Amino acid sequence: MANEFTPAGSGAAVAPREPRVVDAGRGASWWSEGWRLFTPDVGVWLLIMLILIAVHICGAFIPVVGSLALQILFPVFSGGLMLGCRALDRGNPLTVRHLFGGFSQRTGPLVIVGLIYTGLAILILLTVAGMMIAIFGVAILGMLTGAADPSQTGIALGSVVVAVLLGILFFLLLLLPLIMAIWFAPALVMLGELSPGAAMKASFHGCLQNVIPFLVYGAVGIVLAVIATIPFGLGWFVLGPVAIASVYASYCDIFEDKSAS
């Protein structure tokens, strides 16, 4: 893969090692590393964010199919952005072409990751929906059809609220392992050249072995998200790229042997 998007810049990818366990404080450091990778090419990052927003808006105009396509292509765009972060990390410029780098190399494996992720997410959604219907079906059906006894309306409404809250909780609990499996997968496929299954397995183990750093990372991220949202959400044009670069930073920290790069 000796083109301008070659991950290692010298004609070879940096082989990922077994995930290492890092200190809790590294969770905060990933954000500072993300900022470091954002500042050299701020204008290009902002343009990339605008393109991504435009892509999502276009997808929203195609019911169901558009949303599914965006989910499937998410790792493809992410893989390209990992190439962009790798270029910045090595002193090279970020370009808009990096965003589409996943469409010119490692496309098949990245799409397979997207298909696995989307398929499992749909399965989780259907499972939770089935559980809600099985447990709260009578109350929900009566509430929706208006057939419930008026004296029981409050109880039915309460059951609906409980069903929705429990459904959301179950969905998040089941979705968490999937998020762990997808977190590093685009980087592992694009930069480490792993197969889709191996990448998702390694990503899950990498997250599982670093729960504490990720808790710190998440806590800092929540604070930054609140700050970014206050000025009419405009701060997300900065936080978005920094978050993307922070994923690259955490990937390097957990999976790559720096002495081999």
Protein backbone atom coordinates (compact mmCIF):
# COMPACT_ATOMS: atom_id res chain seq x y z
CA MET A 1 0.00 0.00 0.00
CA ALA A 2 2.64 2.45 -1.01
CA ASN A 3 0.50 5.48 -1.69
CA GLU A 4 0.12 8.82 0.04
CA PHE A 5 -2.25 7.26 2.53
CA THR A 6 0.09 4.46 3.59
CA PRO A 7 -0.42 4.22 7.36
CA ALA A 8 3.17 4.20 8.47
CA GLY A 9 4.37 6.70 5.96
CA SER A 10 7.43 4.53 5.21
CA GLY A 11 5.60 1.84 3.28
CA ALA A 12 4.55 -0.44 6.12
CA ALA A 13 1.87 -0.43 8.77
CA VAL A 14 2.79 -0.46 12.45
CA ALA A 15 1.79 -3.90 13.67
CA PRO A 16 -0.48 -3.68 16.73
CA ARG A 17 0.71 -5.52 19.81
CA GLU A 18 -1.45 -7.14 22.46
CA PRO A 19 -3.39 -4.40 24.26
CA ARG A 20 -1.45 -2.95 27.17
CA VAL A 21 -2.95 -1.66 30.40
CA VAL A 22 -2.26 2.06 30.85
CA ASP A 23 -2.49 4.35 33.86
CA ALA A 24 -5.80 5.99 34.72
CA GLY A 25 -4.39 9.44 33.98
CA ARG A 26 -3.85 8.47 30.35
CA GLY A 27 -7.60 8.84 29.86
CA ALA A 28 -7.24 12.60 30.29
CA SER A 29 -4.02 12.67 28.27
CA TRP A 30 -5.83 11.29 25.23
CA TRP A 31 -7.81 14.53 25.07
CA SER A 32 -4.68 16.64 25.22
CA GLU A 33 -3.15 14.47 22.49
CA GLY A 34 -6.30 14.98 20.45
CA TRP A 35 -5.89 18.74 20.83
CA ARG A 36 -2.27 18.48 19.71
CA LEU A 37 -3.37 16.74 16.52
CA PHE A 38 -6.16 19.25 15.95
CA THR A 39 -4.18 22.49 16.08
CA PRO A 40 -1.80 22.05 13.09
CA ASP A 41 -4.62 21.97 10.49
CA VAL A 42 -7.65 23.59 12.12
CA GLY A 43 -9.12 24.77 8.82
CA VAL A 44 -8.98 21.33 7.24
CA TRP A 45 -10.54 19.73 10.32
CA LEU A 46 -13.42 22.21 10.20
CA LEU A 47 -13.94 21.50 6.50
CA ILE A 48 -13.99 17.76 7.22
CA MET A 49 -16.61 18.33 9.92
CA LEU A 50 -18.78 20.31 7.47
CA ILE A 51 -18.52 17.51 4.92
CA LEU A 52 -19.50 14.91 7.52
CA ILE A 53 -22.49 17.01 8.57
CA ALA A 54 -23.54 17.35 4.90
CA VAL A 55 -23.23 13.57 4.43
CA HIS A 56 -25.43 12.92 7.46
CA ILE A 57 -28.02 15.46 6.30
CA CYS A 58 -28.18 13.80 2.88
CA GLY A 59 -28.54 10.40 4.53
CA ALA A 60 -31.40 11.70 6.66
CA PHE A 61 -33.43 12.43 3.53
CA ILE A 62 -33.42 8.72 2.63
CA PRO A 63 -35.63 6.98 5.21
CA VAL A 64 -34.17 3.84 6.81
CA VAL A 65 -31.79 3.11 3.93
CA GLY A 66 -29.87 6.33 4.49
CA SER A 67 -29.46 5.68 8.20
CA LEU A 68 -28.37 2.09 7.61
CA ALA A 69 -25.87 3.18 4.96
CA LEU A 70 -24.35 5.74 7.30
CA GLN A 71 -24.00 3.13 10.05
CA ILE A 72 -22.32 0.69 7.69
CA LEU A 73 -19.97 3.33 6.25
CA PHE A 74 -19.07 4.77 9.66
CA PRO A 75 -15.92 2.59 9.99
CA VAL A 76 -14.90 3.51 6.43
CA PHE A 77 -14.89 7.23 7.22
CA SER A 78 -13.28 6.54 10.60
CA GLY A 79 -10.53 4.50 9.00
CA GLY A 80 -9.72 7.37 6.67
CA LEU A 81 -9.61 9.80 9.57
CA MET A 82 -7.22 7.47 11.40
CA LEU A 83 -4.92 7.83 8.39
CA GLY A 84 -5.25 11.60 8.70
CA CYS A 85 -4.31 11.47 12.38
CA ARG A 86 -1.35 9.24 11.55
CA ALA A 87 -0.19 11.82 8.98
CA LEU A 88 -0.46 14.65 11.51
CA ASP A 89 1.30 12.57 14.15
CA ARG A 90 4.25 12.23 11.79
CA GLY A 91 4.43 15.88 10.84
CA ASN A 92 2.56 15.60 7.53
CA PRO A 93 -0.46 17.73 6.57
CA LEU A 94 -4.05 16.63 6.97
CA THR A 95 -6.11 16.76 3.77
CA VAL A 96 -9.78 16.29 2.94
CA ARG A 97 -8.75 13.23 0.95
CA HIS A 98 -7.91 11.49 4.22
CA LEU A 99 -11.63 11.48 5.05
CA PHE A 100 -12.22 9.27 2.01
CA GLY A 101 -9.05 7.21 2.43
CA GLY A 102 -11.12 4.23 3.58
CA PHE A 103 -12.79 4.12 0.17
CA SER A 104 -9.46 3.51 -1.57
CA GLN A 105 -7.78 1.01 0.77
CA ARG A 106 -8.97 -1.59 3.26
CA THR A 107 -12.50 -0.79 2.08
CA GLY A 108 -13.80 -4.34 2.23
CA PRO A 109 -12.71 -5.08 5.81
CA LEU A 110 -13.97 -1.69 7.01
CA VAL A 111 -17.37 -2.27 5.38
CA ILE A 112 -17.54 -5.71 6.99
CA VAL A 113 -16.92 -4.09 10.38
CA GLY A 114 -19.78 -1.70 9.62
CA LEU A 115 -22.06 -4.57 8.59
CA ILE A 116 -21.27 -6.54 11.76
CA TYR A 117 -21.81 -3.48 13.94
CA THR A 118 -25.09 -2.53 12.23
CA GLY A 119 -26.42 -6.08 12.25
CA LEU A 120 -25.68 -6.57 15.94
CA ALA A 121 -27.12 -3.16 16.82
CA ILE A 122 -30.37 -4.06 15.02
CA LEU A 123 -30.42 -7.43 16.79
CA ILE A 124 -30.01 -5.71 20.16
CA LEU A 125 -32.80 -3.27 19.32
CA LEU A 126 -35.15 -6.08 18.29
CA THR A 127 -34.25 -8.06 21.43
CA VAL A 128 -35.03 -5.12 23.70
CA ALA A 129 -38.25 -4.38 21.82
CA GLY A 130 -39.30 -8.02 22.17
CA MET A 131 -38.59 -7.95 25.90
CA MET A 132 -40.65 -4.79 26.32
CA ILE A 133 -43.58 -6.24 24.41
CA ALA A 134 -43.42 -9.51 26.33
CA ILE A 135 -43.26 -7.87 29.75
CA PHE A 136 -45.38 -4.76 29.28
CA GLY A 137 -47.32 -5.62 26.14
CA VAL A 138 -50.82 -5.66 27.63
CA ALA A 139 -50.49 -2.30 29.38
CA ILE A 140 -48.83 -0.67 26.36
CA LEU A 141 -51.39 -2.08 23.93
CA GLY A 142 -54.27 -0.95 26.11
CA MET A 143 -52.78 2.53 26.44
CA LEU A 144 -52.19 2.89 22.72
CA THR A 145 -55.62 1.60 21.68
CA GLY A 146 -57.50 3.50 24.38
CA ALA A 147 -59.12 0.26 25.47
CA ALA A 148 -57.84 0.46 29.01
CA ASP A 149 -60.25 1.06 31.84
CA PRO A 150 -60.24 4.83 32.58
CA SER A 151 -59.62 4.05 36.23
CA GLN A 152 -56.52 2.14 35.19
CA THR A 153 -55.16 4.80 32.85
CA GLY A 154 -52.66 6.08 35.40
CA ILE A 155 -51.36 2.57 36.03
CA ALA A 156 -51.10 1.88 32.29
CA LEU A 157 -49.28 5.14 31.72
CA GLY A 158 -46.88 4.33 34.54
CA SER A 159 -46.24 0.93 32.99
CA VAL A 160 -45.45 2.55 29.66
CA VAL A 161 -42.97 4.94 31.29
CA VAL A 162 -41.32 2.08 33.20
CA ALA A 163 -41.18 0.00 30.03
CA VAL A 164 -39.50 2.79 28.09
CA LEU A 165 -36.96 3.50 30.84
CA LEU A 166 -36.12 -0.17 31.30
CA GLY A 167 -35.94 -0.61 27.54
CA ILE A 168 -33.42 2.21 27.25
CA LEU A 169 -31.39 0.77 30.13
CA PHE A 170 -31.36 -2.74 28.65
CA PHE A 171 -30.45 -1.34 25.24
CA LEU A 172 -27.50 0.63 26.64
CA LEU A 173 -26.27 -2.33 28.69
CA LEU A 174 -26.37 -4.61 25.65
CA LEU A 175 -24.92 -1.94 23.37
CA LEU A 176 -21.90 -1.22 25.58
CA PRO A 177 -19.95 -4.38 24.61
CA LEU A 178 -20.64 -3.60 20.95
CA ILE A 179 -19.32 -0.06 21.38
CA MET A 180 -16.21 -1.52 22.99
CA ALA A 181 -15.78 -3.84 20.01
CA ILE A 182 -16.12 -1.00 17.47
CA TRP A 183 -14.09 1.65 19.31
CA PHE A 184 -10.65 0.71 18.01
CA ALA A 185 -11.77 -1.50 15.12
CA PRO A 186 -11.35 1.07 12.29
CA ALA A 187 -7.83 1.95 13.49
CA LEU A 188 -6.90 -1.71 13.92
CA VAL A 189 -8.16 -2.54 10.43
CA MET A 190 -6.64 0.50 8.70
CA LEU A 191 -3.41 1.06 10.60
CA GLY A 192 -2.80 -2.43 11.98
CA GLU A 193 -4.20 -4.32 8.98
CA LEU A 194 -6.15 -6.77 11.12
CA SER A 195 -9.15 -8.68 9.81
CA PRO A 196 -12.61 -7.36 10.83
CA GLY A 197 -13.21 -10.12 13.39
CA ALA A 198 -9.74 -9.88 14.90
CA ALA A 199 -9.97 -6.09 15.05
CA MET A 200 -13.30 -6.10 16.88
CA LYS A 201 -12.08 -8.77 19.30
CA ALA A 202 -8.87 -6.85 20.02
CA SER A 203 -10.83 -3.61 20.42
CA PHE A 204 -13.13 -5.21 22.99
CA HIS A 205 -10.20 -6.60 24.98
CA GLY A 206 -8.35 -3.29 24.79
CA CYS A 207 -11.32 -1.43 26.24
CA LEU A 208 -12.05 -4.11 28.84
CA GLN A 209 -8.48 -4.05 30.15
CA ASN A 210 -8.53 -0.25 30.44
CA VAL A 211 -11.88 0.42 32.10
CA ILE A 212 -10.45 2.95 34.58
CA PRO A 213 -8.67 5.11 31.96
CA PHE A 214 -11.86 5.07 29.88
CA LEU A 215 -13.91 6.19 32.88
CA VAL A 216 -11.54 9.14 33.26
CA TYR A 217 -11.71 9.76 29.51
CA GLY A 218 -15.51 9.68 29.63
CA ALA A 219 -15.73 12.02 32.63
CA VAL A 220 -13.50 14.58 30.90
CA GLY A 221 -15.50 14.10 27.71
CA ILE A 222 -18.79 14.87 29.45
CA VAL A 223 -17.40 18.13 30.80
CA LEU A 224 -16.04 19.09 27.38
CA ALA A 225 -19.36 18.17 25.74
CA VAL A 226 -21.28 20.46 28.09
CA ILE A 227 -18.85 23.30 27.36
CA ALA A 228 -19.03 22.65 23.61
CA THR A 229 -22.84 22.67 23.66
CA ILE A 230 -23.25 25.98 25.52
CA PRO A 231 -22.40 28.32 22.59
CA PHE A 232 -25.28 27.03 20.39
CA GLY A 233 -23.40 23.78 19.85
CA LEU A 234 -20.67 25.53 17.87
CA GLY A 235 -18.03 24.10 20.16
CA TRP A 236 -18.64 20.69 18.57
CA PHE A 237 -16.78 21.89 15.48
CA VAL A 238 -13.72 21.80 17.75
CA LEU A 239 -14.66 18.95 20.08
CA GLY A 240 -15.58 16.65 17.18
CA PRO A 241 -12.12 16.64 15.58
CA VAL A 242 -10.41 16.54 18.98
CA ALA A 243 -12.53 13.50 19.93
CA ILE A 244 -11.61 11.74 16.67
CA ALA A 245 -7.93 12.44 17.25
CA SER A 246 -8.25 11.27 20.86
CA VAL A 247 -9.40 7.86 19.62
CA TYR A 248 -6.24 7.66 17.52
CA ALA A 249 -4.16 8.69 20.55
CA SER A 250 -5.75 6.00 22.72
CA TYR A 251 -5.20 3.42 19.97
CA CYS A 252 -1.48 4.25 19.81
CA ASP A 253 -1.21 4.22 23.59
CA ILE A 254 -2.87 0.84 24.07
CA PHE A 255 -1.95 -1.11 20.94
CA GLU A 256 1.20 0.21 19.28
CA ASP A 257 4.78 -0.38 20.29
CA LYS A 258 6.21 3.12 19.85
CA SER A 259 9.73 1.77 19.43
CA ALA A 260 8.59 -0.06 16.29
CA SER A 261 7.12 3.00 14.56
